[in-house]
Amino acid sequence: MDNHTTVSTFLLWGFSSFPDLQDLLFVMVFFSHVTILAANVSIMVAVKLNHSLHIPMYFFLCGLSFSETCTTVVIIPRMLVDLLSDSKSISIPECATQMFFFFGLSSNNCFIMAAMSYDRYTAIHNPLHYSILMTPKICFQLMMAAWLVGFLVSVCIITVVFNLSFCDSNTIQHFFCDISPVVHLACDYTLSYELPIFVLSAFVLVGSFILIMISYVFIGSIVMKMPSAKGRYKAFSTCSSHLTVVCIHYGFAGFVYLRPKNSDSFNEDMLMAVTYTVLTPLLNPIIYSLRNKEMQIALRMTVNSANRFILQMVNKRTLNI
């Protein structure tokens, strides 16, 4: 079908229904964003500077932190600007770019979590051969595969969505260019477009979730056969943080992207989107650090090093003055 788009810009309606809460939302989202950036950057720096963390589990955790940081940067700064601005318009190319990076990075997060579950399975199933099975080269290849597949799926989604014709309403009932609110503005959105979008979304969410569950089924069967309670506890404790993050991530994402849509569901989806664009990236570093003594020690060392560096810089400036 030919594209007969007559709309040149969209309006991100977002939280415009709550004008009295705009300032409060701005403050809350702004401080959440700063905390997300600080927490994820701290994890990446801690992994980089501490040689004891140069193992596959923390390599994937570092990659997940970087990907989640990029995901929030794609969404939150624009949200903050719109909360303070009367003009909330966004051009179609800008909308397509935001959707491309958001869906690509979100898909990447899913596949990195699948790689993390495989890493945990390998560590528990073959501890003696772990270093041979999970070499730096293999870890890098898994990470690159996650990025490649994630953005390849995103390209397919964007191609389908923006091949639609937008010729009537231009008001997106969301605070960013998410798939469902955009496609429901199209005047030719039919099953022939809806089906590939659903299949691609399901491929990312359901496909990666199945891979994660397969790893954990095997992990569970191995752990239950362990003779000592201490060994079972240690094995489960290495997976608990990742499993908690998986449940939060897939619970909210599945609710938004895999259930039937109608115009009345967009407000619910928007509230859920706040959770997985702001709350989940905020919780993930906390979950991984609270449940991991090695990470706690590394983060303390990183913070202490940063404090010493700042004090040295202050003392040098004081002496120069």
C-alpha atoms as a PDB file:
ATOM      1  CA  MET A   1       0.000   0.000   0.000  1.00  0.00           C
ATOM      2  CA  ASP A   2       1.314   3.473  -0.858  1.00  0.00           C
ATOM      3  CA  ASN A   3       2.100   5.879   1.955  1.00  0.00           C
ATOM      4  CA  HIS A   4      -0.332   8.839   1.997  1.00  0.00           C
ATOM      5  CA  THR A   5       0.925  10.597   5.124  1.00  0.00           C
ATOM      6  CA  THR A   6      -0.307  14.173   5.488  1.00  0.00           C
ATOM      7  CA  VAL A   7       0.905  14.673   9.074  1.00  0.00           C
ATOM      8  CA  SER A   8       4.385  16.199   9.456  1.00  0.00           C
ATOM      9  CA  THR A   9       4.646  16.311  13.256  1.00  0.00           C
ATOM     10  CA  PHE A  10       3.249  14.439  16.236  1.00  0.00           C
ATOM     11  CA  LEU A  11       2.193  15.833  19.594  1.00  0.00           C
ATOM     12  CA  LEU A  12       3.456  13.917  22.640  1.00  0.00           C
ATOM     13  CA  TRP A  13       0.468  14.395  24.926  1.00  0.00           C
ATOM     14  CA  GLY A  14       2.027  12.368  27.743  1.00  0.00           C
ATOM     15  CA  PHE A  15       1.332  13.905  31.130  1.00  0.00           C
ATOM     16  CA  SER A  16      -0.538  16.931  29.766  1.00  0.00           C
ATOM     17  CA  SER A  17      -3.684  15.551  31.385  1.00  0.00           C
ATOM     18  CA  PHE A  18      -2.082  16.389  34.757  1.00  0.00           C
ATOM     19  CA  PRO A  19      -1.014  20.041  34.421  1.00  0.00           C
ATOM     20  CA  ASP A  20      -0.820  20.571  38.200  1.00  0.00           C
ATOM     21  CA  LEU A  21       1.678  17.730  38.564  1.00  0.00           C
ATOM     22  CA  GLN A  22       4.107  18.793  35.820  1.00  0.00           C
ATOM     23  CA  ASP A  23       6.638  20.448  38.173  1.00  0.00           C
ATOM     24  CA  LEU A  24       6.507  17.601  40.693  1.00  0.00           C
ATOM     25  CA  LEU A  25       6.927  15.017  37.938  1.00  0.00           C
ATOM     26  CA  PHE A  26       9.875  16.971  36.530  1.00  0.00           C
ATOM     27  CA  VAL A  27      11.677  16.972  39.902  1.00  0.00           C
ATOM     28  CA  MET A  28      10.982  13.271  40.517  1.00  0.00           C
ATOM     29  CA  VAL A  29      12.018  12.165  37.027  1.00  0.00           C
ATOM     30  CA  PHE A  30      15.084  14.434  36.993  1.00  0.00           C
ATOM     31  CA  PHE A  31      16.485  13.074  40.271  1.00  0.00           C
ATOM     32  CA  SER A  32      15.622   9.520  39.212  1.00  0.00           C
ATOM     33  CA  HIS A  33      17.548  10.063  35.971  1.00  0.00           C
ATOM     34  CA  VAL A  34      20.589  11.451  37.783  1.00  0.00           C
ATOM     35  CA  THR A  35      20.491   8.472  40.169  1.00  0.00           C
ATOM     36  CA  ILE A  36      20.195   6.010  37.265  1.00  0.00           C
ATOM     37  CA  LEU A  37      23.193   7.554  35.517  1.00  0.00           C
ATOM     38  CA  ALA A  38      25.278   7.657  38.710  1.00  0.00           C
ATOM     39  CA  ALA A  39      24.409   4.075  39.720  1.00  0.00           C
ATOM     40  CA  ASN A  40      25.015   2.528  36.305  1.00  0.00           C
ATOM     41  CA  VAL A  41      28.205   4.501  35.667  1.00  0.00           C
ATOM     42  CA  SER A  42      29.442   3.449  39.125  1.00  0.00           C
ATOM     43  CA  ILE A  43      28.871  -0.207  38.234  1.00  0.00           C
ATOM     44  CA  MET A  44      30.700   0.173  34.907  1.00  0.00           C
ATOM     45  CA  VAL A  45      33.639   1.982  36.524  1.00  0.00           C
ATOM     46  CA  ALA A  46      33.790  -0.546  39.377  1.00  0.00           C
ATOM     47  CA  VAL A  47      33.910  -3.464  36.923  1.00  0.00           C
ATOM     48  CA  LYS A  48      36.551  -1.708  34.822  1.00  0.00           C
ATOM     49  CA  LEU A  49      38.859  -0.800  37.728  1.00  0.00           C
ATOM     50  CA  ASN A  50      38.613  -3.999  39.799  1.00  0.00           C
ATOM     51  CA  HIS A  51      40.452  -6.949  38.252  1.00  0.00           C
ATOM     52  CA  SER A  52      38.566  -9.386  40.503  1.00  0.00           C
ATOM     53  CA  LEU A  53      35.417  -8.480  38.548  1.00  0.00           C
ATOM     54  CA  HIS A  54      36.948  -9.226  35.143  1.00  0.00           C
ATOM     55  CA  ILE A  55      34.838 -12.359  34.707  1.00  0.00           C
ATOM     56  CA  PRO A  56      31.941 -13.066  32.309  1.00  0.00           C
ATOM     57  CA  MET A  57      29.158 -12.385  34.851  1.00  0.00           C
ATOM     58  CA  TYR A  58      30.345  -8.822  35.440  1.00  0.00           C
ATOM     59  CA  PHE A  59      31.188  -8.292  31.781  1.00  0.00           C
ATOM     60  CA  PHE A  60      27.521  -8.919  30.940  1.00  0.00           C
ATOM     61  CA  LEU A  61      26.381  -6.833  33.917  1.00  0.00           C
ATOM     62  CA  CYS A  62      28.547  -3.963  32.674  1.00  0.00           C
ATOM     63  CA  GLY A  63      27.039  -4.354  29.187  1.00  0.00           C
ATOM     64  CA  LEU A  64      23.517  -4.359  30.630  1.00  0.00           C
ATOM     65  CA  SER A  65      24.251  -1.221  32.677  1.00  0.00           C
ATOM     66  CA  PHE A  66      25.576   0.552  29.591  1.00  0.00           C
ATOM     67  CA  SER A  67      22.582  -0.498  27.485  1.00  0.00           C
ATOM     68  CA  GLU A  68      20.077   0.566  30.162  1.00  0.00           C
ATOM     69  CA  THR A  69      21.841   3.904  30.560  1.00  0.00           C
ATOM     70  CA  CYS A  70      21.537   4.492  26.818  1.00  0.00           C
ATOM     71  CA  THR A  71      17.853   3.469  26.922  1.00  0.00           C
ATOM     72  CA  THR A  72      17.039   6.066  29.582  1.00  0.00           C
ATOM     73  CA  VAL A  73      19.040   8.740  27.729  1.00  0.00           C
ATOM     74  CA  VAL A  74      16.876   8.129  24.644  1.00  0.00           C
ATOM     75  CA  ILE A  75      13.643   8.726  26.611  1.00  0.00           C
ATOM     76  CA  ILE A  76      14.079  10.744  29.818  1.00  0.00           C
ATOM     77  CA  PRO A  77      15.808  13.971  28.648  1.00  0.00           C
ATOM     78  CA  ARG A  78      13.062  14.485  26.036  1.00  0.00           C
ATOM     79  CA  MET A  79      10.436  13.765  28.714  1.00  0.00           C
ATOM     80  CA  LEU A  80      11.982  16.386  31.022  1.00  0.00           C
ATOM     81  CA  VAL A  81      11.964  19.012  28.268  1.00  0.00           C
ATOM     82  CA  ASP A  82       8.306  18.268  27.444  1.00  0.00           C
ATOM     83  CA  LEU A  83       7.301  18.531  31.112  1.00  0.00           C
ATOM     84  CA  LEU A  84       8.481  22.150  31.155  1.00  0.00           C
ATOM     85  CA  SER A  85       7.508  23.058  27.596  1.00  0.00           C
ATOM     86  CA  ASP A  86       4.171  24.162  26.153  1.00  0.00           C
ATOM     87  CA  SER A  87       5.169  22.815  22.757  1.00  0.00           C
ATOM     88  CA  LYS A  88       5.403  19.038  22.869  1.00  0.00           C
ATOM     89  CA  SER A  89       5.675  18.446  19.136  1.00  0.00           C
ATOM     90  CA  ILE A  90       8.062  15.948  17.581  1.00  0.00           C
ATOM     91  CA  SER A  91       8.724  15.487  13.870  1.00  0.00           C
ATOM     92  CA  ILE A  92       8.159  12.119  12.212  1.00  0.00           C
ATOM     93  CA  PRO A  93      11.920  11.539  11.586  1.00  0.00           C
ATOM     94  CA  GLU A  94      12.667  12.379  15.247  1.00  0.00           C
ATOM     95  CA  CYS A  95       9.879  10.058  16.357  1.00  0.00           C
ATOM     96  CA  ALA A  96      11.212   7.240  14.160  1.00  0.00           C
ATOM     97  CA  THR A  97      14.749   7.772  15.507  1.00  0.00           C
ATOM     98  CA  GLN A  98      13.585   7.682  19.120  1.00  0.00           C
ATOM     99  CA  MET A  99      11.531   4.532  18.504  1.00  0.00           C
ATOM    100  CA  PHE A 100      14.450   2.874  16.683  1.00  0.00           C
ATOM    101  CA  PHE A 101      16.930   3.425  19.509  1.00  0.00           C
ATOM    102  CA  PHE A 102      14.453   2.685  22.287  1.00  0.00           C
ATOM    103  CA  PHE A 103      13.259  -0.610  20.817  1.00  0.00           C
ATOM    104  CA  GLY A 104      16.775  -1.594  19.696  1.00  0.00           C
ATOM    105  CA  LEU A 105      18.268  -0.961  23.135  1.00  0.00           C
ATOM    106  CA  SER A 106      15.313  -2.581  24.933  1.00  0.00           C
ATOM    107  CA  SER A 107      15.665  -5.669  22.719  1.00  0.00           C
ATOM    108  CA  ASN A 108      19.385  -5.654  23.431  1.00  0.00           C
ATOM    109  CA  ASN A 109      18.632  -5.681  27.187  1.00  0.00           C
ATOM    110  CA  CYS A 110      16.495  -8.803  26.724  1.00  0.00           C
ATOM    111  CA  PHE A 111      19.164 -10.698  24.824  1.00  0.00           C
ATOM    112  CA  ILE A 112      21.917  -9.650  27.250  1.00  0.00           C
ATOM    113  CA  MET A 113      19.802 -11.056  30.100  1.00  0.00           C
ATOM    114  CA  ALA A 114      19.469 -14.287  28.094  1.00  0.00           C
ATOM    115  CA  ALA A 115      23.282 -14.384  27.739  1.00  0.00           C
ATOM    116  CA  MET A 116      23.617 -13.780  31.491  1.00  0.00           C
ATOM    117  CA  SER A 117      21.362 -16.753  32.253  1.00  0.00           C
ATOM    118  CA  TYR A 118      23.443 -18.975  29.942  1.00  0.00           C
ATOM    119  CA  ASP A 119      26.580 -17.765  31.716  1.00  0.00           C
ATOM    120  CA  ARG A 120      25.088 -18.742  35.113  1.00  0.00           C
ATOM    121  CA  TYR A 121      24.088 -22.158  33.753  1.00  0.00           C
ATOM    122  CA  THR A 122      27.597 -22.756  32.425  1.00  0.00           C
ATOM    123  CA  ALA A 123      29.169 -21.696  35.737  1.00  0.00           C
ATOM    124  CA  ILE A 124      26.977 -24.090  37.739  1.00  0.00           C
ATOM    125  CA  HIS A 125      26.942 -26.997  35.272  1.00  0.00           C
ATOM    126  CA  ASN A 126      30.622 -26.959  34.268  1.00  0.00           C
ATOM    127  CA  PRO A 127      32.561 -25.084  36.983  1.00  0.00           C
ATOM    128  CA  LEU A 128      35.850 -26.823  36.087  1.00  0.00           C
ATOM    129  CA  HIS A 129      35.584 -25.941  32.398  1.00  0.00           C
ATOM    130  CA  TYR A 130      33.905 -22.562  32.907  1.00  0.00           C
ATOM    131  CA  SER A 131      36.951 -20.499  31.935  1.00  0.00           C
ATOM    132  CA  ILE A 132      37.305 -22.540  28.720  1.00  0.00           C
ATOM    133  CA  LEU A 133      33.601 -22.395  27.780  1.00  0.00           C
ATOM    134  CA  MET A 134      33.165 -18.686  28.575  1.00  0.00           C
ATOM    135  CA  THR A 135      36.298 -17.076  27.190  1.00  0.00           C
ATOM    136  CA  PRO A 136      36.493 -13.293  26.663  1.00  0.00           C
ATOM    137  CA  LYS A 137      36.077 -13.903  22.919  1.00  0.00           C
ATOM    138  CA  ILE A 138      32.863 -15.910  23.394  1.00  0.00           C
ATOM    139  CA  CYS A 139      31.490 -13.311  25.829  1.00  0.00           C
ATOM    140  CA  PHE A 140      32.224 -10.542  23.335  1.00  0.00           C
ATOM    141  CA  GLN A 141      30.543 -12.512  20.547  1.00  0.00           C
ATOM    142  CA  LEU A 142      27.426 -13.056  22.691  1.00  0.00           C
ATOM    143  CA  MET A 143      27.319  -9.348  23.502  1.00  0.00           C
ATOM    144  CA  MET A 144      27.704  -8.344  19.857  1.00  0.00           C
ATOM    145  CA  ALA A 145      25.018 -10.847  18.846  1.00  0.00           C
ATOM    146  CA  ALA A 146      22.640  -9.261  21.390  1.00  0.00           C
ATOM    147  CA  TRP A 147      23.269  -5.783  19.941  1.00  0.00           C
ATOM    148  CA  LEU A 148      23.043  -6.969  16.331  1.00  0.00           C
ATOM    149  CA  VAL A 149      19.796  -8.931  16.737  1.00  0.00           C
ATOM    150  CA  GLY A 150      18.244  -6.189  18.878  1.00  0.00           C
ATOM    151  CA  PHE A 151      18.830  -3.440  16.336  1.00  0.00           C
ATOM    152  CA  LEU A 152      18.012  -5.678  13.370  1.00  0.00           C
ATOM    153  CA  VAL A 153      14.575  -6.347  14.869  1.00  0.00           C
ATOM    154  CA  SER A 154      14.235  -2.615  15.571  1.00  0.00           C
ATOM    155  CA  VAL A 155      14.932  -1.807  11.899  1.00  0.00           C
ATOM    156  CA  CYS A 156      12.155  -4.217  10.874  1.00  0.00           C
ATOM    157  CA  ILE A 157       9.723  -2.647  13.371  1.00  0.00           C
ATOM    158  CA  ILE A 158      10.491   0.898  12.214  1.00  0.00           C
ATOM    159  CA  THR A 159      10.111  -0.109   8.563  1.00  0.00           C
ATOM    160  CA  VAL A 160       6.643  -1.528   9.219  1.00  0.00           C
ATOM    161  CA  VAL A 161       5.451   1.318  11.489  1.00  0.00           C
ATOM    162  CA  PHE A 162       6.556   4.212   9.308  1.00  0.00           C
ATOM    163  CA  ASN A 163       5.308   2.601   6.138  1.00  0.00           C
ATOM    164  CA  LEU A 164       1.844   3.391   7.526  1.00  0.00           C
ATOM    165  CA  SER A 165      -0.080   6.501   6.450  1.00  0.00           C
ATOM    166  CA  PHE A 166      -0.736   9.148   9.112  1.00  0.00           C
ATOM    167  CA  CYS A 167      -3.502  11.371   7.811  1.00  0.00           C
ATOM    168  CA  ASP A 168      -5.819  12.277  10.672  1.00  0.00           C
ATOM    169  CA  SER A 169      -4.967  12.730  14.362  1.00  0.00           C
ATOM    170  CA  ASN A 170      -1.381  13.533  15.342  1.00  0.00           C
ATOM    171  CA  THR A 171      -1.693  13.323  19.155  1.00  0.00           C
ATOM    172  CA  ILE A 172       0.307  10.463  20.673  1.00  0.00           C
ATOM    173  CA  GLN A 173      -1.201   9.401  23.993  1.00  0.00           C
ATOM    174  CA  HIS A 174       2.231   8.802  25.494  1.00  0.00           C
ATOM    175  CA  PHE A 175       5.351  10.652  26.662  1.00  0.00           C
ATOM    176  CA  PHE A 176       7.548   9.092  23.956  1.00  0.00           C
ATOM    177  CA  CYS A 177       7.158   7.446  20.545  1.00  0.00           C
ATOM    178  CA  ASP A 178       6.200   3.946  21.581  1.00  0.00           C
ATOM    179  CA  ILE A 179       4.890   1.467  19.015  1.00  0.00           C
ATOM    180  CA  SER A 180       1.210   1.053  19.938  1.00  0.00           C
ATOM    181  CA  PRO A 181       0.273   4.729  20.473  1.00  0.00           C
ATOM    182  CA  VAL A 182       1.909   5.628  17.132  1.00  0.00           C
ATOM    183  CA  VAL A 183       0.406   2.859  14.969  1.00  0.00           C
ATOM    184  CA  HIS A 184      -3.089   3.562  16.304  1.00  0.00           C
ATOM    185  CA  LEU A 185      -2.857   7.049  14.760  1.00  0.00           C
ATOM    186  CA  ALA A 186      -2.476   5.527  11.280  1.00  0.00           C
ATOM    187  CA  CYS A 187      -5.457   5.555   8.947  1.00  0.00           C
ATOM    188  CA  ASP A 188      -4.494   2.257   7.290  1.00  0.00           C
ATOM    189  CA  TYR A 189      -3.444   0.159  10.312  1.00  0.00           C
ATOM    190  CA  THR A 190      -4.770  -3.305   9.463  1.00  0.00           C
ATOM    191  CA  LEU A 191      -3.974  -6.911  10.380  1.00  0.00           C
ATOM    192  CA  SER A 192      -1.289  -7.036   7.666  1.00  0.00           C
ATOM    193  CA  TYR A 193       0.672  -4.445   9.699  1.00  0.00           C
ATOM    194  CA  GLU A 194      -0.419  -5.547  13.166  1.00  0.00           C
ATOM    195  CA  LEU A 195       0.713  -9.157  12.723  1.00  0.00           C
ATOM    196  CA  PRO A 196       4.403  -8.523  11.837  1.00  0.00           C
ATOM    197  CA  ILE A 197       4.695  -5.977  14.666  1.00  0.00           C
ATOM    198  CA  PHE A 198       3.281  -8.491  17.152  1.00  0.00           C
ATOM    199  CA  VAL A 199       5.494 -11.317  15.816  1.00  0.00           C
ATOM    200  CA  LEU A 200       8.649  -9.178  16.058  1.00  0.00           C
ATOM    201  CA  SER A 201       7.755  -8.007  19.582  1.00  0.00           C
ATOM    202  CA  ALA A 202       7.008 -11.589  20.632  1.00  0.00           C
ATOM    203  CA  PHE A 203      10.276 -12.777  19.094  1.00  0.00           C
ATOM    204  CA  VAL A 204      12.196 -10.386  21.349  1.00  0.00           C
ATOM    205  CA  LEU A 205      10.207 -10.812  24.565  1.00  0.00           C
ATOM    206  CA  VAL A 206       8.994 -14.405  24.366  1.00  0.00           C
ATOM    207  CA  GLY A 207      12.047 -15.699  22.492  1.00  0.00           C
ATOM    208  CA  SER A 208      14.595 -14.297  24.956  1.00  0.00           C
ATOM    209  CA  PHE A 209      12.381 -15.257  27.925  1.00  0.00           C
ATOM    210  CA  ILE A 210      12.224 -18.885  26.721  1.00  0.00           C
ATOM    211  CA  LEU A 211      16.030 -18.961  26.467  1.00  0.00           C
ATOM    212  CA  ILE A 212      16.265 -17.619  30.025  1.00  0.00           C
ATOM    213  CA  MET A 213      13.741 -20.153  31.351  1.00  0.00           C
ATOM    214  CA  ILE A 214      15.546 -23.055  29.627  1.00  0.00           C
ATOM    215  CA  SER A 215      18.768 -22.028  31.378  1.00  0.00           C
ATOM    216  CA  TYR A 216      17.011 -21.772  34.744  1.00  0.00           C
ATOM    217  CA  VAL A 217      15.217 -25.124  34.344  1.00  0.00           C
ATOM    218  CA  PHE A 218      18.619 -26.770  33.851  1.00  0.00           C
ATOM    219  CA  ILE A 219      20.100 -24.731  36.711  1.00  0.00           C
ATOM    220  CA  GLY A 220      17.240 -25.804  38.992  1.00  0.00           C
ATOM    221  CA  SER A 221      17.657 -29.476  38.108  1.00  0.00           C
ATOM    222  CA  ILE A 222      21.420 -29.300  38.788  1.00  0.00           C
ATOM    223  CA  VAL A 223      21.030 -27.422  42.073  1.00  0.00           C
ATOM    224  CA  MET A 224      18.376 -29.803  43.428  1.00  0.00           C
ATOM    225  CA  LYS A 225      20.798 -32.707  42.920  1.00  0.00           C
ATOM    226  CA  MET A 226      23.521 -31.035  44.994  1.00  0.00           C
ATOM    227  CA  PRO A 227      24.116 -32.973  48.227  1.00  0.00           C
ATOM    228  CA  SER A 228      24.809 -30.036  50.568  1.00  0.00           C
ATOM    229  CA  ALA A 229      22.401 -27.267  51.543  1.00  0.00           C
ATOM    230  CA  LYS A 230      25.314 -24.822  51.551  1.00  0.00           C
ATOM    231  CA  GLY A 231      26.104 -25.649  47.918  1.00  0.00           C
ATOM    232  CA  ARG A 232      22.452 -25.207  46.909  1.00  0.00           C
ATOM    233  CA  TYR A 233      22.260 -21.864  48.706  1.00  0.00           C
ATOM    234  CA  LYS A 234      25.469 -20.617  47.076  1.00  0.00           C
ATOM    235  CA  ALA A 235      24.255 -21.654  43.608  1.00  0.00           C
ATOM    236  CA  PHE A 236      20.864 -20.007  44.034  1.00  0.00           C
ATOM    237  CA  SER A 237      22.395 -16.842  45.496  1.00  0.00           C
ATOM    238  CA  THR A 238      24.503 -16.329  42.346  1.00  0.00           C
ATOM    239  CA  CYS A 239      21.290 -16.329  40.262  1.00  0.00           C
ATOM    240  CA  SER A 240      18.883 -14.506  42.587  1.00  0.00           C
ATOM    241  CA  SER A 241      19.757 -10.963  41.475  1.00  0.00           C
ATOM    242  CA  HIS A 242      19.464 -11.814  37.794  1.00  0.00           C
ATOM    243  CA  LEU A 243      16.209 -13.711  38.306  1.00  0.00           C
ATOM    244  CA  THR A 244      14.712 -10.770  40.231  1.00  0.00           C
ATOM    245  CA  VAL A 245      15.609  -8.345  37.433  1.00  0.00           C
ATOM    246  CA  VAL A 246      14.201 -10.748  34.808  1.00  0.00           C
ATOM    247  CA  CYS A 247      10.860 -11.000  36.630  1.00  0.00           C
ATOM    248  CA  ILE A 248      10.531  -7.201  36.931  1.00  0.00           C
ATOM    249  CA  HIS A 249      11.613  -6.515  33.351  1.00  0.00           C
ATOM    250  CA  TYR A 250       9.520  -9.156  31.610  1.00  0.00           C
ATOM    251  CA  GLY A 251       6.506  -8.626  33.847  1.00  0.00           C
ATOM    252  CA  PHE A 252       6.068  -4.978  32.864  1.00  0.00           C
ATOM    253  CA  ALA A 253       7.274  -5.300  29.254  1.00  0.00           C
ATOM    254  CA  GLY A 254       5.022  -8.295  28.586  1.00  0.00           C
ATOM    255  CA  PHE A 255       2.013  -6.448  30.012  1.00  0.00           C
ATOM    256  CA  VAL A 256       2.572  -3.523  27.661  1.00  0.00           C
ATOM    257  CA  TYR A 257       3.636  -5.218  24.416  1.00  0.00           C
ATOM    258  CA  LEU A 258       1.926  -8.613  24.358  1.00  0.00           C
ATOM    259  CA  ARG A 259      -1.651  -7.890  25.419  1.00  0.00           C
ATOM    260  CA  PRO A 260      -4.458  -6.731  23.087  1.00  0.00           C
ATOM    261  CA  LYS A 261      -4.576  -2.961  22.587  1.00  0.00           C
ATOM    262  CA  ASN A 262      -7.358  -0.393  22.419  1.00  0.00           C
ATOM    263  CA  SER A 263      -7.520   3.356  22.936  1.00  0.00           C
ATOM    264  CA  ASP A 264      -8.573   2.906  26.586  1.00  0.00           C
ATOM    265  CA  SER A 265      -5.411   0.934  27.437  1.00  0.00           C
ATOM    266  CA  PHE A 266      -2.936   3.693  26.549  1.00  0.00           C
ATOM    267  CA  ASN A 267      -3.129   5.378  29.973  1.00  0.00           C
ATOM    268  CA  GLU A 268      -2.318   2.053  31.656  1.00  0.00           C
ATOM    269  CA  ASP A 269       0.506   1.468  29.188  1.00  0.00           C
ATOM    270  CA  MET A 270       1.891   4.930  29.892  1.00  0.00           C
ATOM    271  CA  LEU A 271       1.999   4.274  33.639  1.00  0.00           C
ATOM    272  CA  MET A 272       3.692   0.934  32.999  1.00  0.00           C
ATOM    273  CA  ALA A 273       6.141   2.669  30.647  1.00  0.00           C
ATOM    274  CA  VAL A 274       7.164   4.997  33.493  1.00  0.00           C
ATOM    275  CA  THR A 275       7.987   1.860  35.460  1.00  0.00           C
ATOM    276  CA  TYR A 276      10.220   0.228  32.856  1.00  0.00           C
ATOM    277  CA  THR A 277      11.867   3.443  31.619  1.00  0.00           C
ATOM    278  CA  VAL A 278      12.483   5.039  35.039  1.00  0.00           C
ATOM    279  CA  LEU A 279      11.879   2.629  37.922  1.00  0.00           C
ATOM    280  CA  THR A 280      13.394  -0.582  36.505  1.00  0.00           C
ATOM    281  CA  PRO A 281      16.741   1.007  35.444  1.00  0.00           C
ATOM    282  CA  LEU A 282      16.794   2.569  38.927  1.00  0.00           C
ATOM    283  CA  LEU A 283      16.160  -0.739  40.695  1.00  0.00           C
ATOM    284  CA  ASN A 284      18.530  -2.930  38.673  1.00  0.00           C
ATOM    285  CA  PRO A 285      21.822  -1.460  39.991  1.00  0.00           C
ATOM    286  CA  ILE A 286      20.394  -1.542  43.531  1.00  0.00           C
ATOM    287  CA  ILE A 287      19.346  -5.197  43.202  1.00  0.00           C
ATOM    288  CA  TYR A 288      22.713  -6.268  41.795  1.00  0.00           C
ATOM    289  CA  SER A 289      24.710  -4.355  44.405  1.00  0.00           C
ATOM    290  CA  LEU A 290      22.591  -5.238  47.468  1.00  0.00           C
ATOM    291  CA  ARG A 291      22.715  -8.977  46.714  1.00  0.00           C
ATOM    292  CA  ASN A 292      26.362  -9.144  45.709  1.00  0.00           C
ATOM    293  CA  LYS A 293      29.172  -8.723  48.240  1.00  0.00           C
ATOM    294  CA  GLU A 294      31.878  -8.552  45.557  1.00  0.00           C
ATOM    295  CA  MET A 295      30.048  -5.672  43.863  1.00  0.00           C
ATOM    296  CA  GLN A 296      29.537  -3.901  47.204  1.00  0.00           C
ATOM    297  CA  ILE A 297      33.262  -4.078  47.950  1.00  0.00           C
ATOM    298  CA  ALA A 298      34.147  -2.911  44.422  1.00  0.00           C
ATOM    299  CA  LEU A 299      31.701   0.005  44.620  1.00  0.00           C
ATOM    300  CA  ARG A 300      33.110   1.072  48.011  1.00  0.00           C
ATOM    301  CA  MET A 301      36.634   0.999  46.588  1.00  0.00           C
ATOM    302  CA  THR A 302      35.503   3.005  43.566  1.00  0.00           C
ATOM    303  CA  VAL A 303      33.749   5.620  45.718  1.00  0.00           C
ATOM    304  CA  ASN A 304      36.761   5.893  48.030  1.00  0.00           C
ATOM    305  CA  SER A 305      39.074   6.308  45.032  1.00  0.00           C
ATOM    306  CA  ALA A 306      36.791   9.000  43.616  1.00  0.00           C
ATOM    307  CA  ASN A 307      36.722  10.814  46.973  1.00  0.00           C
ATOM    308  CA  ARG A 308      40.528  10.720  47.228  1.00  0.00           C
ATOM    309  CA  PHE A 309      40.848  12.024  43.684  1.00  0.00           C
ATOM    310  CA  ILE A 310      38.442  14.908  44.400  1.00  0.00           C
ATOM    311  CA  LEU A 311      40.287  15.793  47.624  1.00  0.00           C
ATOM    312  CA  GLN A 312      43.620  15.797  45.767  1.00  0.00           C
ATOM    313  CA  MET A 313      42.215  18.119  43.092  1.00  0.00           C
ATOM    314  CA  VAL A 314      40.779  20.459  45.765  1.00  0.00           C
ATOM    315  CA  ASN A 315      44.078  20.522  47.652  1.00  0.00           C
ATOM    316  CA  LYS A 316      46.026  21.278  44.458  1.00  0.00           C
ATOM    317  CA  ARG A 317      43.690  24.190  43.616  1.00  0.00           C
ATOM    318  CA  THR A 318      44.013  25.476  47.181  1.00  0.00           C
ATOM    319  CA  LEU A 319      47.824  25.355  46.997  1.00  0.00           C
ATOM    320  CA  ASN A 320      47.839  27.117  43.615  1.00  0.00           C
ATOM    321  CA  ILE A 321      45.662  29.906  45.013  1.00  0.00           C
END
